N, C-alpha and C. Protein backbone atom coordinates (compact mmCIF):
# COMPACT_ATOMS: atom_id res chain seq x y z
N UNK A 1 0.82 -1.20 0.00
CA UNK A 1 0.00 0.00 0.00
C UNK A 1 0.86 1.26 0.00
N UNK A 2 2.07 1.14 -0.52
CA UNK A 2 2.95 2.30 -0.63
C UNK A 2 3.08 2.65 -2.10
N UNK A 3 2.80 3.91 -2.41
CA UNK A 3 2.85 4.33 -3.81
C UNK A 3 3.54 5.67 -3.91
N UNK A 4 4.43 5.86 -4.87
CA UNK A 4 4.85 4.87 -5.85
C UNK A 4 5.68 3.76 -5.21
N UNK A 5 5.75 2.65 -5.88
CA UNK A 5 6.48 1.51 -5.36
C UNK A 5 7.93 1.88 -5.05
N UNK A 6 8.38 1.47 -3.89
CA UNK A 6 9.78 1.72 -3.53
C UNK A 6 10.72 0.83 -4.33
N UNK A 7 10.20 -0.26 -4.87
CA UNK A 7 11.04 -1.25 -5.52
C UNK A 7 10.97 -1.20 -7.04
N UNK A 8 9.95 -0.57 -7.59
CA UNK A 8 9.80 -0.49 -9.04
C UNK A 8 9.13 0.84 -9.38
N UNK A 9 9.93 1.87 -9.71
CA UNK A 9 9.35 3.19 -9.99
C UNK A 9 8.48 3.20 -11.26
N UNK A 10 8.56 2.15 -12.07
CA UNK A 10 7.76 2.07 -13.29
C UNK A 10 6.47 1.28 -13.08
N UNK A 11 6.18 0.92 -11.85
CA UNK A 11 4.98 0.15 -11.53
C UNK A 11 3.74 0.94 -11.95
N UNK A 12 2.83 0.30 -12.68
CA UNK A 12 1.68 1.01 -13.25
C UNK A 12 0.37 0.82 -12.49
N UNK A 13 0.21 -0.31 -11.78
CA UNK A 13 -1.07 -0.57 -11.15
C UNK A 13 -0.90 -1.44 -9.91
N UNK A 14 -1.95 -1.44 -9.09
CA UNK A 14 -1.99 -2.31 -7.92
C UNK A 14 -3.25 -3.17 -8.02
N UNK A 15 -3.13 -4.42 -7.65
CA UNK A 15 -4.24 -5.37 -7.68
C UNK A 15 -4.44 -5.92 -6.28
N UNK A 16 -5.69 -6.11 -5.87
CA UNK A 16 -5.95 -6.56 -4.52
C UNK A 16 -7.15 -7.51 -4.49
N UNK A 17 -7.06 -8.51 -3.62
CA UNK A 17 -8.18 -9.42 -3.39
C UNK A 17 -9.04 -8.95 -2.22
N UNK A 18 -8.52 -8.07 -1.36
CA UNK A 18 -9.19 -7.75 -0.10
C UNK A 18 -9.60 -6.30 0.09
N UNK A 19 -8.97 -5.38 -0.58
CA UNK A 19 -9.28 -3.98 -0.31
C UNK A 19 -9.60 -3.23 -1.59
N UNK A 20 -10.58 -2.34 -1.51
CA UNK A 20 -10.95 -1.51 -2.65
C UNK A 20 -10.14 -0.23 -2.70
N UNK A 21 -9.46 0.10 -1.61
CA UNK A 21 -8.73 1.37 -1.52
C UNK A 21 -7.25 1.16 -1.74
N UNK A 22 -6.65 2.12 -2.44
CA UNK A 22 -5.21 2.08 -2.69
C UNK A 22 -4.75 3.47 -3.11
N UNK A 23 -3.54 3.85 -2.75
CA UNK A 23 -3.01 5.12 -3.23
C UNK A 23 -2.53 5.04 -4.69
N UNK A 24 -2.56 3.86 -5.28
CA UNK A 24 -2.10 3.69 -6.66
C UNK A 24 -3.01 4.44 -7.63
N UNK A 25 -2.45 5.00 -8.69
CA UNK A 25 -3.29 5.70 -9.68
C UNK A 25 -4.26 4.74 -10.38
N UNK A 26 -3.85 3.50 -10.55
CA UNK A 26 -4.74 2.47 -11.11
C UNK A 26 -4.77 1.33 -10.10
N UNK A 27 -5.96 1.08 -9.55
CA UNK A 27 -6.12 -0.01 -8.58
C UNK A 27 -7.23 -0.92 -9.05
N UNK A 28 -6.96 -2.20 -9.11
CA UNK A 28 -7.94 -3.19 -9.54
C UNK A 28 -8.31 -4.05 -8.34
N UNK A 29 -9.58 -4.00 -7.97
CA UNK A 29 -10.11 -4.86 -6.91
C UNK A 29 -10.58 -6.14 -7.62
N UNK A 30 -9.86 -7.22 -7.42
CA UNK A 30 -10.04 -8.44 -8.19
C UNK A 30 -11.47 -8.98 -8.16
N UNK A 31 -12.19 -9.02 -7.03
CA UNK A 31 -13.56 -9.52 -7.08
C UNK A 31 -14.46 -8.73 -8.04
N UNK A 32 -14.30 -7.41 -8.08
CA UNK A 32 -15.08 -6.60 -9.02
C UNK A 32 -14.62 -6.84 -10.46
N UNK A 33 -13.33 -7.00 -10.65
CA UNK A 33 -12.79 -7.29 -11.98
C UNK A 33 -13.35 -8.61 -12.51
N UNK A 34 -13.40 -9.63 -11.66
CA UNK A 34 -13.95 -10.93 -12.05
C UNK A 34 -15.44 -10.83 -12.35
N UNK A 35 -16.15 -10.03 -11.56
CA UNK A 35 -17.57 -9.81 -11.81
C UNK A 35 -17.77 -9.16 -13.18
N UNK A 36 -16.92 -8.20 -13.51
CA UNK A 36 -16.98 -7.54 -14.82
C UNK A 36 -16.69 -8.55 -15.93
N UNK A 37 -15.70 -9.40 -15.74
CA UNK A 37 -15.40 -10.43 -16.75
C UNK A 37 -16.62 -11.32 -16.98
N UNK A 38 -17.28 -11.71 -15.88
CA UNK A 38 -18.47 -12.56 -16.00
C UNK A 38 -19.57 -11.84 -16.79
N UNK A 39 -19.72 -10.55 -16.57
CA UNK A 39 -20.75 -9.79 -17.29
C UNK A 39 -20.48 -9.73 -18.79
N UNK A 40 -19.23 -9.95 -19.17
CA UNK A 40 -18.85 -9.98 -20.58
C UNK A 40 -18.95 -11.38 -21.17
N UNK A 41 -19.40 -12.34 -20.34
CA UNK A 41 -19.56 -13.70 -20.82
C UNK A 41 -18.35 -14.59 -20.61
N UNK A 42 -17.43 -14.13 -19.81
CA UNK A 42 -16.24 -14.92 -19.50
C UNK A 42 -16.49 -15.76 -18.25
N UNK A 43 -16.02 -16.98 -18.25
CA UNK A 43 -16.14 -17.85 -17.08
C UNK A 43 -14.87 -17.71 -16.26
N UNK A 44 -15.01 -17.22 -15.04
CA UNK A 44 -13.85 -17.10 -14.13
C UNK A 44 -13.77 -18.39 -13.35
N UNK A 45 -12.71 -19.14 -13.60
CA UNK A 45 -12.53 -20.43 -12.95
C UNK A 45 -11.88 -20.31 -11.58
N UNK A 46 -11.05 -19.27 -11.42
CA UNK A 46 -10.30 -19.16 -10.17
C UNK A 46 -9.64 -17.79 -10.08
N UNK A 47 -9.61 -17.25 -8.88
CA UNK A 47 -8.74 -16.12 -8.58
C UNK A 47 -8.12 -16.43 -7.23
N UNK A 48 -6.82 -16.28 -7.14
CA UNK A 48 -6.13 -16.69 -5.92
C UNK A 48 -4.84 -15.91 -5.72
N UNK A 49 -4.49 -15.77 -4.47
CA UNK A 49 -3.20 -15.21 -4.11
C UNK A 49 -2.16 -16.32 -4.15
N UNK A 50 -1.08 -16.10 -4.86
CA UNK A 50 0.05 -17.02 -4.87
C UNK A 50 1.15 -16.35 -4.06
N UNK A 51 1.50 -16.95 -2.95
CA UNK A 51 2.48 -16.33 -2.04
C UNK A 51 3.51 -17.35 -1.54
N UNK A 52 4.02 -18.15 -2.45
CA UNK A 52 4.98 -19.19 -2.11
C UNK A 52 6.25 -18.56 -1.53
N UNK A 53 6.62 -19.02 -0.35
CA UNK A 53 7.83 -18.59 0.35
C UNK A 53 7.84 -17.11 0.74
N UNK A 54 6.71 -16.44 0.64
CA UNK A 54 6.63 -15.03 1.05
C UNK A 54 6.62 -14.96 2.57
N UNK A 55 7.47 -14.13 3.13
CA UNK A 55 7.58 -14.00 4.58
C UNK A 55 6.75 -12.80 5.04
N UNK A 56 5.60 -13.06 5.62
CA UNK A 56 4.71 -11.98 6.06
C UNK A 56 5.28 -11.20 7.25
N UNK A 57 6.22 -11.78 7.96
CA UNK A 57 6.85 -11.05 9.07
C UNK A 57 7.73 -9.92 8.53
N UNK A 58 8.36 -10.13 7.39
CA UNK A 58 9.17 -9.09 6.75
C UNK A 58 8.25 -8.09 6.06
N UNK A 59 7.18 -8.61 5.45
CA UNK A 59 6.21 -7.75 4.77
C UNK A 59 6.85 -6.91 3.68
N UNK A 60 6.49 -5.64 3.63
CA UNK A 60 6.92 -4.75 2.56
C UNK A 60 8.22 -4.01 2.88
N UNK A 61 8.98 -4.50 3.86
CA UNK A 61 10.23 -3.81 4.20
C UNK A 61 11.31 -4.05 3.15
N UNK A 62 11.14 -5.09 2.33
CA UNK A 62 12.08 -5.32 1.23
C UNK A 62 11.32 -6.04 0.12
N UNK A 63 11.87 -5.98 -1.08
CA UNK A 63 11.27 -6.67 -2.22
C UNK A 63 11.71 -8.12 -2.16
N UNK A 64 10.81 -8.98 -1.71
CA UNK A 64 11.15 -10.39 -1.52
C UNK A 64 11.23 -11.15 -2.84
N UNK A 65 10.75 -10.57 -3.93
CA UNK A 65 10.77 -11.27 -5.22
C UNK A 65 12.00 -10.92 -6.05
N UNK A 66 12.85 -10.04 -5.55
CA UNK A 66 13.98 -9.54 -6.33
C UNK A 66 15.05 -10.60 -6.55
N UNK A 67 15.40 -11.34 -5.52
CA UNK A 67 16.47 -12.34 -5.62
C UNK A 67 15.84 -13.68 -6.01
N UNK A 68 16.08 -14.09 -7.24
CA UNK A 68 15.40 -15.28 -7.78
C UNK A 68 15.69 -16.53 -6.97
N UNK A 69 16.88 -16.65 -6.42
CA UNK A 69 17.24 -17.85 -5.67
C UNK A 69 16.46 -17.98 -4.35
N UNK A 70 15.77 -16.91 -3.91
CA UNK A 70 14.93 -16.98 -2.71
C UNK A 70 13.63 -17.75 -2.98
N UNK A 71 13.34 -17.97 -4.26
CA UNK A 71 12.16 -18.74 -4.67
C UNK A 71 10.85 -18.19 -4.10
N UNK A 72 10.73 -16.86 -4.09
CA UNK A 72 9.49 -16.23 -3.61
C UNK A 72 8.62 -15.89 -4.82
N UNK A 73 7.37 -16.32 -4.73
CA UNK A 73 6.37 -15.94 -5.71
C UNK A 73 5.31 -15.14 -4.98
N UNK A 74 4.98 -13.97 -5.50
CA UNK A 74 3.97 -13.12 -4.87
C UNK A 74 3.17 -12.44 -5.98
N UNK A 75 2.01 -12.99 -6.27
CA UNK A 75 1.16 -12.42 -7.31
C UNK A 75 -0.26 -12.92 -7.16
N UNK A 76 -1.16 -12.31 -7.89
CA UNK A 76 -2.55 -12.75 -7.95
C UNK A 76 -2.74 -13.43 -9.29
N UNK A 77 -3.32 -14.62 -9.22
CA UNK A 77 -3.57 -15.41 -10.43
C UNK A 77 -5.07 -15.43 -10.70
N UNK A 78 -5.42 -15.13 -11.94
CA UNK A 78 -6.81 -15.23 -12.39
C UNK A 78 -6.85 -16.17 -13.58
N UNK A 79 -7.66 -17.21 -13.48
CA UNK A 79 -7.82 -18.18 -14.56
C UNK A 79 -9.24 -18.04 -15.08
N UNK A 80 -9.36 -17.75 -16.36
CA UNK A 80 -10.66 -17.55 -16.96
C UNK A 80 -10.68 -18.11 -18.37
N UNK A 81 -11.89 -18.34 -18.87
CA UNK A 81 -12.02 -18.79 -20.27
C UNK A 81 -13.29 -18.19 -20.85
N UNK A 82 -13.24 -18.01 -22.14
CA UNK A 82 -14.42 -17.49 -22.84
C UNK A 82 -15.45 -18.60 -22.94
N UNK A 83 -16.73 -18.22 -22.91
CA UNK A 83 -17.80 -19.20 -23.08
C UNK A 83 -17.79 -19.74 -24.48
């Protein structure tokens, strides 16, 4: 919830599964995004947080995805298909 990103000054948007509020200029609330996809006739099969090896105790104090050998994955996955 820090904007602009301390770790990527070219970051364009923020996506969230839990909060509608963000200081980001473009913020996507995933449940509403999925609802919009459904209204367009898309079947949303899954939306999930992928947080493999993410240390919540460290949180946003450092970019945990920067060092590839740390094997941290932190992203939101949406799986959908057209009807």
